[in-house]
Structure formats: C-alpha cells, structure tokens
Amino acid sequence: MSSFEGRTALVTGASRGIGLAIAQSLVERGARVVVTARKPDALAEAVEALGGPEKAVAVVGNVGDPEHRAEAVRTAIETFGSLDVLVGNVGINPVFGPLMDAPLDAFRKILDTNVVASLGLVQEAWKAWMSEHGGSVLIVASVAGLKSSEGIAAYGVSKAALINLTTQLAVEMGPKVRVNAVAPAVVKTRFAEALFTGREAELGGQYPVGRLGVPEDIGEAAAYLLSDQAGWVTGQTLVLDGGALSRGPI
C-alpha cells in the first residue's frame, strides 16, 4: 500500500466506527489526521487511540454548520501544513419506516446533513487547498443507495445522491482531485446496531463471505482508494458488502 507520509487527512464522523477505522488506516500508513465529531469526550478518546496530538487533532462540531466545516479545513492546513485527503463520513438516519409516513422535515434534515453538508465540505477543501495542490476525496455512501432499502428508505435516497455526487465531483474536480466512494452493507458499528442486534449470526450467514462487515474492512478499502496506487481510479463507488448484492435480496 502506498505511503501517506507527509500528507494530511481530514476525516469527518471519526470518533468511532467506520470513520475512526479509516483514520486509523491512514495513520498507520504515515498520515496526520484531523478528526471531527459532535461529542468531545468520544473525539478525545479517538485522538488518543490514533497516537495523540502528533498524529491526530480533533475539531468538535456539527458538519452541518458551515463555520465548523471551515474550522476543520483551516485546522488541517494550519496544524499540519496541507490538506491532501478528505473523507466525508457523516450520516444520520433518524427516520425508520415507509416513506409514505416520513415527516418531510426529517427527510429534509437527512438530505441536508448527508448530502448538502458533504458537498459543502468538499467545496471548503477545494477552495482552501485542493484546487491548487490537488488531493483525493472519499465519500462514504451505502448499499442502501443502490437498491430499495425497506425501513431506511430516506437514508437510502440520501446515499444514492452521494453516489451520484461522487460521479459529478470526479469529473468537475479532475485532474487535480480524484473522488471516489465506498458503499458498505451492514457493518458492526453502533450506528447500525438496529439492523443486526439479535440476528447477527442469521444475517451474517446470508452473506457469501459468511459474516457482517467490521469497520476495518472499510478502513483498508478506503486507504487504497485514497492512495497513489488508485491513481487511475476516480468517479467510482466500491461496493463493500461481503457479496450480498451478488447473491440478491437479503
């Protein structure tokens, strides 16, 4: 795997789960990281796990806040001298059930946080650093954006938008910046607990690889897509689902 020595990454939603695993994969390959999340205590624990202030710094806040996005980008540049890698990993899903019953205000909030804020973050990084110096962007989408997703349809719509946003940005930001996405299936994180609690063995057994995903699965794939080894890969969404879509509905 290519080294990230001398490079700086900004990873949002990185206090735990997939975001923290991606940050860890980058740090293990030499990157310095700026990590963001809403809860300061959890974020402080993440910084410690990543190796302390020489390896990672935290910016507490809500990615939906333009001032927070600007602060996160500014912190990366001022602390470590660059912003070479950007990972958008913020997602909310406060609504369960059919779309016909979904409150429209909640639907708007999902789109605003998952999609609009993601674009805002990329815009901020582009203007502050990447338009001149280049870089690589990764957006964390979901297999819910590739098919119908009963019970979490609003979330699925937002992830479908992110998959298309990846394609649009790859064309618009090239050749300076590569933009790709990952689309995980069910990964064993606190965020996804409602999808597998009490039925992990049953659900995992339906995946061709025989298990659910773990955050490290996503972290390793992310490191590849963000690295120089993926230098001819842009505009792509890598499905990380243990073969689930190949088998069909689960």
C-alpha atoms as a PDB file:
ATOM      1  CA  MET A   1       0.000   0.000   0.000  1.00  0.00           C
ATOM      2  CA  SER A   2       1.266   3.465  -0.845  1.00  0.00           C
ATOM      3  CA  SER A   3       2.616   5.588   1.966  1.00  0.00           C
ATOM      4  CA  PHE A   4       0.797   8.672   3.206  1.00  0.00           C
ATOM      5  CA  GLU A   5       3.968  10.104   4.790  1.00  0.00           C
ATOM      6  CA  GLY A   6       3.870  13.891   4.774  1.00  0.00           C
ATOM      7  CA  ARG A   7       0.171  14.012   3.929  1.00  0.00           C
ATOM      8  CA  THR A   8      -2.726  15.352   5.945  1.00  0.00           C
ATOM      9  CA  ALA A   9      -6.210  13.862   6.022  1.00  0.00           C
ATOM     10  CA  LEU A  10      -9.488  15.262   7.319  1.00  0.00           C
ATOM     11  CA  VAL A  11     -11.988  12.590   8.350  1.00  0.00           C
ATOM     12  CA  THR A  12     -15.459  13.569   9.490  1.00  0.00           C
ATOM     13  CA  GLY A  13     -17.575  11.446  11.810  1.00  0.00           C
ATOM     14  CA  ALA A  14     -14.392   9.852  13.107  1.00  0.00           C
ATOM     15  CA  SER A  15     -14.938   9.381  16.835  1.00  0.00           C
ATOM     16  CA  ARG A  16     -15.828   5.702  16.338  1.00  0.00           C
ATOM     17  CA  GLY A  17     -16.913   3.078  13.833  1.00  0.00           C
ATOM     18  CA  ILE A  18     -16.129   3.442  10.146  1.00  0.00           C
ATOM     19  CA  GLY A  19     -14.725   6.966  10.404  1.00  0.00           C
ATOM     20  CA  LEU A  20     -12.257   6.003  13.132  1.00  0.00           C
ATOM     21  CA  ALA A  21     -11.208   2.881  11.216  1.00  0.00           C
ATOM     22  CA  ILE A  22     -10.487   4.958   8.108  1.00  0.00           C
ATOM     23  CA  ALA A  23      -8.465   7.440  10.153  1.00  0.00           C
ATOM     24  CA  GLN A  24      -6.549   4.562  11.743  1.00  0.00           C
ATOM     25  CA  SER A  25      -5.703   3.045   8.357  1.00  0.00           C
ATOM     26  CA  LEU A  26      -4.341   6.379   7.169  1.00  0.00           C
ATOM     27  CA  VAL A  27      -2.307   6.997  10.331  1.00  0.00           C
ATOM     28  CA  GLU A  28      -0.806   3.502  10.088  1.00  0.00           C
ATOM     29  CA  ARG A  29       0.466   4.476   6.638  1.00  0.00           C
ATOM     30  CA  GLY A  30       2.041   7.711   7.832  1.00  0.00           C
ATOM     31  CA  ALA A  31      -0.697  10.335   7.541  1.00  0.00           C
ATOM     32  CA  ARG A  32      -1.531  13.013  10.077  1.00  0.00           C
ATOM     33  CA  VAL A  33      -5.267  13.364  10.562  1.00  0.00           C
ATOM     34  CA  VAL A  34      -7.823  15.902  11.667  1.00  0.00           C
ATOM     35  CA  VAL A  35     -10.900  14.135  13.009  1.00  0.00           C
ATOM     36  CA  THR A  36     -14.311  15.635  13.634  1.00  0.00           C
ATOM     37  CA  ALA A  37     -17.437  14.613  15.524  1.00  0.00           C
ATOM     38  CA  ARG A  38     -20.066  16.185  17.758  1.00  0.00           C
ATOM     39  CA  LYS A  39     -19.117  14.655  21.122  1.00  0.00           C
ATOM     40  CA  PRO A  40     -15.864  15.975  22.631  1.00  0.00           C
ATOM     41  CA  ASP A  41     -15.217  13.062  25.006  1.00  0.00           C
ATOM     42  CA  ALA A  42     -15.523  10.418  22.303  1.00  0.00           C
ATOM     43  CA  LEU A  43     -13.402  12.511  19.976  1.00  0.00           C
ATOM     44  CA  ALA A  44     -10.687  12.907  22.621  1.00  0.00           C
ATOM     45  CA  GLU A  45     -10.601   9.122  23.015  1.00  0.00           C
ATOM     46  CA  ALA A  46     -10.252   8.752  19.253  1.00  0.00           C
ATOM     47  CA  VAL A  47      -7.278  11.134  19.163  1.00  0.00           C
ATOM     48  CA  GLU A  48      -5.603   9.101  21.901  1.00  0.00           C
ATOM     49  CA  ALA A  49      -6.253   5.853  20.021  1.00  0.00           C
ATOM     50  CA  LEU A  50      -4.743   7.367  16.871  1.00  0.00           C
ATOM     51  CA  GLY A  51      -1.486   8.220  18.608  1.00  0.00           C
ATOM     52  CA  GLY A  52      -2.050  11.556  20.291  1.00  0.00           C
ATOM     53  CA  PRO A  53      -1.554  15.131  19.086  1.00  0.00           C
ATOM     54  CA  GLU A  54       1.496  14.352  16.959  1.00  0.00           C
ATOM     55  CA  LYS A  55      -0.671  12.132  14.796  1.00  0.00           C
ATOM     56  CA  ALA A  56      -4.188  13.498  15.217  1.00  0.00           C
ATOM     57  CA  VAL A  57      -6.084  16.594  16.296  1.00  0.00           C
ATOM     58  CA  ALA A  58      -9.788  16.984  16.933  1.00  0.00           C
ATOM     59  CA  VAL A  59     -12.293  19.602  15.852  1.00  0.00           C
ATOM     60  CA  VAL A  60     -15.586  19.264  17.693  1.00  0.00           C
ATOM     61  CA  GLY A  61     -18.744  20.335  15.907  1.00  0.00           C
ATOM     62  CA  ASN A  62     -21.599  19.553  13.562  1.00  0.00           C
ATOM     63  CA  VAL A  63     -20.691  19.097   9.912  1.00  0.00           C
ATOM     64  CA  GLY A  64     -23.967  20.795   9.004  1.00  0.00           C
ATOM     65  CA  ASP A  65     -22.532  24.041  10.373  1.00  0.00           C
ATOM     66  CA  PRO A  66     -20.579  25.978   7.699  1.00  0.00           C
ATOM     67  CA  GLU A  67     -18.350  27.542  10.353  1.00  0.00           C
ATOM     68  CA  HIS A  68     -17.421  24.095  11.671  1.00  0.00           C
ATOM     69  CA  ARG A  69     -16.517  22.879   8.180  1.00  0.00           C
ATOM     70  CA  ALA A  70     -14.324  25.926   7.631  1.00  0.00           C
ATOM     71  CA  GLU A  71     -12.657  25.433  11.016  1.00  0.00           C
ATOM     72  CA  ALA A  72     -11.902  21.775  10.291  1.00  0.00           C
ATOM     73  CA  VAL A  73     -10.282  22.585   6.957  1.00  0.00           C
ATOM     74  CA  ARG A  74      -8.364  25.507   8.425  1.00  0.00           C
ATOM     75  CA  THR A  75      -7.125  23.369  11.324  1.00  0.00           C
ATOM     76  CA  ALA A  76      -5.697  20.767   8.955  1.00  0.00           C
ATOM     77  CA  ILE A  77      -3.764  23.355   6.974  1.00  0.00           C
ATOM     78  CA  GLU A  78      -2.579  25.402   9.942  1.00  0.00           C
ATOM     79  CA  THR A  79      -1.637  22.416  12.131  1.00  0.00           C
ATOM     80  CA  PHE A  80      -0.076  20.032   9.631  1.00  0.00           C
ATOM     81  CA  GLY A  81       0.584  22.259   6.613  1.00  0.00           C
ATOM     82  CA  SER A  82      -1.698  20.744   3.998  1.00  0.00           C
ATOM     83  CA  LEU A  83      -4.997  19.026   3.246  1.00  0.00           C
ATOM     84  CA  ASP A  84      -4.274  16.183   0.869  1.00  0.00           C
ATOM     85  CA  VAL A  85      -7.014  13.704   1.759  1.00  0.00           C
ATOM     86  CA  LEU A  86     -10.668  14.335   2.585  1.00  0.00           C
ATOM     87  CA  VAL A  87     -13.092  11.706   3.879  1.00  0.00           C
ATOM     88  CA  GLY A  88     -16.787  12.552   4.200  1.00  0.00           C
ATOM     89  CA  ASN A  89     -18.235  10.073   6.659  1.00  0.00           C
ATOM     90  CA  VAL A  90     -21.110  11.879   8.326  1.00  0.00           C
ATOM     91  CA  GLY A  91     -24.548  10.353   8.053  1.00  0.00           C
ATOM     92  CA  ILE A  92     -27.752  10.443  10.049  1.00  0.00           C
ATOM     93  CA  ASN A  93     -30.848   8.263   9.902  1.00  0.00           C
ATOM     94  CA  PRO A  94     -33.455   9.490  12.391  1.00  0.00           C
ATOM     95  CA  VAL A  95     -36.422   8.047  10.483  1.00  0.00           C
ATOM     96  CA  PHE A  96     -37.406   4.370  10.280  1.00  0.00           C
ATOM     97  CA  GLY A  97     -40.394   3.154   8.330  1.00  0.00           C
ATOM     98  CA  PRO A  98     -42.028   3.731   4.941  1.00  0.00           C
ATOM     99  CA  LEU A  99     -41.529   6.950   3.014  1.00  0.00           C
ATOM    100  CA  MET A 100     -45.273   7.455   2.915  1.00  0.00           C
ATOM    101  CA  ASP A 101     -45.152   8.072   6.656  1.00  0.00           C
ATOM    102  CA  ALA A 102     -41.892  10.019   6.778  1.00  0.00           C
ATOM    103  CA  PRO A 103     -42.147  13.579   8.142  1.00  0.00           C
ATOM    104  CA  LEU A 104     -40.880  15.862   5.419  1.00  0.00           C
ATOM    105  CA  ASP A 105     -38.921  17.983   7.871  1.00  0.00           C
ATOM    106  CA  ALA A 106     -36.990  14.877   8.925  1.00  0.00           C
ATOM    107  CA  PHE A 107     -36.429  13.957   5.279  1.00  0.00           C
ATOM    108  CA  ARG A 108     -35.023  17.429   4.618  1.00  0.00           C
ATOM    109  CA  LYS A 109     -32.717  17.093   7.626  1.00  0.00           C
ATOM    110  CA  ILE A 110     -31.352  13.797   6.327  1.00  0.00           C
ATOM    111  CA  LEU A 111     -30.623  15.293   2.913  1.00  0.00           C
ATOM    112  CA  ASP A 112     -29.138  18.437   4.417  1.00  0.00           C
ATOM    113  CA  THR A 113     -26.773  16.549   6.721  1.00  0.00           C
ATOM    114  CA  ASN A 114     -25.858  13.630   4.487  1.00  0.00           C
ATOM    115  CA  VAL A 115     -25.717  15.367   1.108  1.00  0.00           C
ATOM    116  CA  VAL A 116     -25.653  19.160   1.311  1.00  0.00           C
ATOM    117  CA  ALA A 117     -23.109  19.244   4.135  1.00  0.00           C
ATOM    118  CA  SER A 118     -20.924  16.737   2.271  1.00  0.00           C
ATOM    119  CA  LEU A 119     -20.840  18.999  -0.765  1.00  0.00           C
ATOM    120  CA  GLY A 120     -20.142  21.978   1.480  1.00  0.00           C
ATOM    121  CA  LEU A 121     -17.157  20.192   2.989  1.00  0.00           C
ATOM    122  CA  VAL A 122     -15.695  19.355  -0.413  1.00  0.00           C
ATOM    123  CA  GLN A 123     -16.214  22.949  -1.553  1.00  0.00           C
ATOM    124  CA  GLU A 124     -14.358  24.202   1.514  1.00  0.00           C
ATOM    125  CA  ALA A 125     -11.412  21.862   0.945  1.00  0.00           C
ATOM    126  CA  TRP A 126     -11.288  22.739  -2.751  1.00  0.00           C
ATOM    127  CA  LYS A 127     -11.183  26.471  -2.172  1.00  0.00           C
ATOM    128  CA  ALA A 128      -8.707  26.341   0.697  1.00  0.00           C
ATOM    129  CA  TRP A 129      -6.198  23.846  -0.677  1.00  0.00           C
ATOM    130  CA  MET A 130      -7.100  21.213  -3.261  1.00  0.00           C
ATOM    131  CA  SER A 131      -7.825  23.434  -6.259  1.00  0.00           C
ATOM    132  CA  GLU A 132      -4.175  24.479  -6.251  1.00  0.00           C
ATOM    133  CA  HIS A 133      -2.393  21.485  -4.742  1.00  0.00           C
ATOM    134  CA  GLY A 134      -4.612  18.532  -5.683  1.00  0.00           C
ATOM    135  CA  GLY A 135      -5.685  15.681  -3.473  1.00  0.00           C
ATOM    136  CA  SER A 136      -8.043  12.760  -3.062  1.00  0.00           C
ATOM    137  CA  VAL A 137     -11.599  12.617  -1.730  1.00  0.00           C
ATOM    138  CA  LEU A 138     -13.590   9.665  -0.428  1.00  0.00           C
ATOM    139  CA  ILE A 139     -17.314   9.744   0.318  1.00  0.00           C
ATOM    140  CA  VAL A 140     -18.882   7.057   2.499  1.00  0.00           C
ATOM    141  CA  ALA A 141     -22.146   6.045   0.841  1.00  0.00           C
ATOM    142  CA  SER A 142     -24.050   2.778   1.371  1.00  0.00           C
ATOM    143  CA  VAL A 143     -25.556  -0.162  -0.486  1.00  0.00           C
ATOM    144  CA  ALA A 144     -28.844   1.404   0.620  1.00  0.00           C
ATOM    145  CA  GLY A 145     -28.188   3.916  -2.153  1.00  0.00           C
ATOM    146  CA  LEU A 146     -28.035   1.185  -4.793  1.00  0.00           C
ATOM    147  CA  LYS A 147     -31.352  -0.568  -4.178  1.00  0.00           C
ATOM    148  CA  SER A 148     -34.559  -0.227  -2.252  1.00  0.00           C
ATOM    149  CA  SER A 149     -33.946  -0.276   1.471  1.00  0.00           C
ATOM    150  CA  GLU A 150     -37.036  -1.129   3.470  1.00  0.00           C
ATOM    151  CA  GLY A 151     -37.316   0.811   6.704  1.00  0.00           C
ATOM    152  CA  ILE A 152     -34.433   3.169   5.945  1.00  0.00           C
ATOM    153  CA  ALA A 153     -35.605   4.496   2.594  1.00  0.00           C
ATOM    154  CA  ALA A 154     -34.944   8.162   3.366  1.00  0.00           C
ATOM    155  CA  TYR A 155     -31.369   7.286   4.305  1.00  0.00           C
ATOM    156  CA  GLY A 156     -31.102   5.269   1.081  1.00  0.00           C
ATOM    157  CA  VAL A 157     -32.219   8.231  -1.015  1.00  0.00           C
ATOM    158  CA  SER A 158     -29.523  10.388   0.567  1.00  0.00           C
ATOM    159  CA  LYS A 159     -26.860   7.760  -0.113  1.00  0.00           C
ATOM    160  CA  ALA A 160     -27.998   7.426  -3.730  1.00  0.00           C
ATOM    161  CA  ALA A 161     -27.488  11.169  -4.040  1.00  0.00           C
ATOM    162  CA  LEU A 162     -23.966  10.811  -2.639  1.00  0.00           C
ATOM    163  CA  ILE A 163     -23.129   8.134  -5.200  1.00  0.00           C
ATOM    164  CA  ASN A 164     -24.161  10.472  -7.998  1.00  0.00           C
ATOM    165  CA  LEU A 165     -22.399  13.383  -6.292  1.00  0.00           C
ATOM    166  CA  THR A 166     -19.206  11.315  -6.392  1.00  0.00           C
ATOM    167  CA  THR A 167     -19.510  10.967 -10.161  1.00  0.00           C
ATOM    168  CA  GLN A 168     -20.244  14.646 -10.678  1.00  0.00           C
ATOM    169  CA  LEU A 169     -17.347  15.793  -8.488  1.00  0.00           C
ATOM    170  CA  ALA A 170     -14.876  13.401 -10.088  1.00  0.00           C
ATOM    171  CA  VAL A 171     -15.490  14.989 -13.480  1.00  0.00           C
ATOM    172  CA  GLU A 172     -15.595  18.557 -12.210  1.00  0.00           C
ATOM    173  CA  MET A 173     -12.552  18.344  -9.921  1.00  0.00           C
ATOM    174  CA  GLY A 174     -10.316  16.296 -12.203  1.00  0.00           C
ATOM    175  CA  PRO A 175      -7.495  16.086 -12.997  1.00  0.00           C
ATOM    176  CA  LYS A 176      -6.385  17.851  -9.801  1.00  0.00           C
ATOM    177  CA  VAL A 177      -8.511  15.772  -7.433  1.00  0.00           C
ATOM    178  CA  ARG A 178      -9.762  12.196  -7.553  1.00  0.00           C
ATOM    179  CA  VAL A 179     -13.164  11.489  -5.984  1.00  0.00           C
ATOM    180  CA  ASN A 180     -14.447   8.027  -5.125  1.00  0.00           C
ATOM    181  CA  ALA A 181     -16.966   6.446  -2.760  1.00  0.00           C
ATOM    182  CA  VAL A 182     -17.435   3.275  -0.779  1.00  0.00           C
ATOM    183  CA  ALA A 183     -20.835   1.651  -0.342  1.00  0.00           C
ATOM    184  CA  PRO A 184     -20.820  -0.686   2.666  1.00  0.00           C
ATOM    185  CA  ALA A 185     -23.551  -3.143   3.562  1.00  0.00           C
ATOM    186  CA  VAL A 186     -24.201  -3.870   7.242  1.00  0.00           C
ATOM    187  CA  VAL A 187     -21.084  -3.132   9.270  1.00  0.00           C
ATOM    188  CA  LYS A 188     -20.885  -3.888  13.001  1.00  0.00           C
ATOM    189  CA  THR A 189     -20.997  -0.359  14.364  1.00  0.00           C
ATOM    190  CA  ARG A 190     -23.139   1.365  16.958  1.00  0.00           C
ATOM    191  CA  PHE A 191     -24.829   3.301  14.146  1.00  0.00           C
ATOM    192  CA  ALA A 192     -26.047   0.060  12.523  1.00  0.00           C
ATOM    193  CA  GLU A 193     -26.979  -1.839  15.695  1.00  0.00           C
ATOM    194  CA  ALA A 194     -30.699  -1.708  14.943  1.00  0.00           C
ATOM    195  CA  LEU A 195     -30.073  -3.674  11.746  1.00  0.00           C
ATOM    196  CA  PHE A 196     -28.275  -6.652  13.285  1.00  0.00           C
ATOM    197  CA  THR A 197     -28.858  -6.797  17.045  1.00  0.00           C
ATOM    198  CA  GLY A 198     -30.295 -10.178  17.967  1.00  0.00           C
ATOM    199  CA  ARG A 199     -29.853 -11.592  14.476  1.00  0.00           C
ATOM    200  CA  GLU A 200     -26.149 -11.193  13.688  1.00  0.00           C
ATOM    201  CA  ALA A 201     -25.496 -14.885  13.042  1.00  0.00           C
ATOM    202  CA  GLU A 202     -28.611 -15.230  10.893  1.00  0.00           C
ATOM    203  CA  LEU A 203     -27.886 -12.101   8.865  1.00  0.00           C
ATOM    204  CA  GLY A 204     -24.169 -12.746   8.522  1.00  0.00           C
ATOM    205  CA  GLY A 205     -24.810 -16.272   7.340  1.00  0.00           C
ATOM    206  CA  GLN A 206     -26.657 -14.916   4.329  1.00  0.00           C
ATOM    207  CA  TYR A 207     -23.574 -13.054   3.094  1.00  0.00           C
ATOM    208  CA  PRO A 208     -21.365 -15.120   0.749  1.00  0.00           C
ATOM    209  CA  VAL A 209     -18.323 -14.389   2.957  1.00  0.00           C
ATOM    210  CA  GLY A 210     -20.284 -15.677   5.951  1.00  0.00           C
ATOM    211  CA  ARG A 211     -20.152 -12.642   8.223  1.00  0.00           C
ATOM    212  CA  LEU A 212     -21.089  -8.994   8.609  1.00  0.00           C
ATOM    213  CA  GLY A 213     -18.582  -6.283   7.887  1.00  0.00           C
ATOM    214  CA  VAL A 214     -16.325  -4.719  10.504  1.00  0.00           C
ATOM    215  CA  PRO A 215     -15.015  -1.144  10.418  1.00  0.00           C
ATOM    216  CA  GLU A 216     -11.511  -2.317   9.483  1.00  0.00           C
ATOM    217  CA  ASP A 217     -12.892  -3.751   6.233  1.00  0.00           C
ATOM    218  CA  ILE A 218     -13.916  -0.248   5.215  1.00  0.00           C
ATOM    219  CA  GLY A 219     -10.746   1.367   6.528  1.00  0.00           C
ATOM    220  CA  GLU A 220      -8.484  -0.791   4.381  1.00  0.00           C
ATOM    221  CA  ALA A 221     -10.542  -0.254   1.223  1.00  0.00           C
ATOM    222  CA  ALA A 222     -10.620   3.476   1.879  1.00  0.00           C
ATOM    223  CA  ALA A 223      -6.842   3.623   2.219  1.00  0.00           C
ATOM    224  CA  TYR A 224      -6.478   2.014  -1.215  1.00  0.00           C
ATOM    225  CA  LEU A 225      -8.880   4.388  -2.947  1.00  0.00           C
ATOM    226  CA  LEU A 226      -7.199   7.407  -1.360  1.00  0.00           C
ATOM    227  CA  SER A 227      -3.684   6.231  -2.181  1.00  0.00           C
ATOM    228  CA  ASP A 228      -1.483   6.779  -5.215  1.00  0.00           C
ATOM    229  CA  GLN A 229      -1.995   3.128  -6.122  1.00  0.00           C
ATOM    230  CA  ALA A 230      -5.534   4.099  -7.153  1.00  0.00           C
ATOM    231  CA  GLY A 231      -4.194   6.938  -9.302  1.00  0.00           C
ATOM    232  CA  TRP A 232      -6.318   5.921 -12.310  1.00  0.00           C
ATOM    233  CA  VAL A 233      -9.485   5.386 -10.283  1.00  0.00           C
ATOM    234  CA  THR A 234     -11.986   8.225  -9.969  1.00  0.00           C
ATOM    235  CA  GLY A 235     -15.742   8.611 -10.061  1.00  0.00           C
ATOM    236  CA  GLN A 236     -16.195   5.051  -8.797  1.00  0.00           C
ATOM    237  CA  THR A 237     -18.236   3.564  -5.972  1.00  0.00           C
ATOM    238  CA  LEU A 238     -16.675   0.463  -4.463  1.00  0.00           C
ATOM    239  CA  VAL A 239     -19.317  -1.846  -3.032  1.00  0.00           C
ATOM    240  CA  LEU A 240     -18.180  -3.445   0.231  1.00  0.00           C
ATOM    241  CA  ASP A 241     -20.898  -5.928   1.055  1.00  0.00           C
ATOM    242  CA  GLY A 242     -19.421  -9.393   1.528  1.00  0.00           C
ATOM    243  CA  GLY A 243     -21.023 -10.398  -1.762  1.00  0.00           C
ATOM    244  CA  ALA A 244     -24.577  -9.580  -0.686  1.00  0.00           C
ATOM    245  CA  LEU A 245     -25.634  -7.809  -3.889  1.00  0.00           C
ATOM    246  CA  SER A 246     -24.223 -10.658  -5.963  1.00  0.00           C
ATOM    247  CA  ARG A 247     -26.488 -13.123  -4.175  1.00  0.00           C
ATOM    248  CA  GLY A 248     -29.574 -10.937  -4.293  1.00  0.00           C
ATOM    249  CA  PRO A 249     -32.053  -9.662  -1.690  1.00  0.00           C
ATOM    250  CA  ILE A 250     -31.296 -10.399   1.942  1.00  0.00           C
END
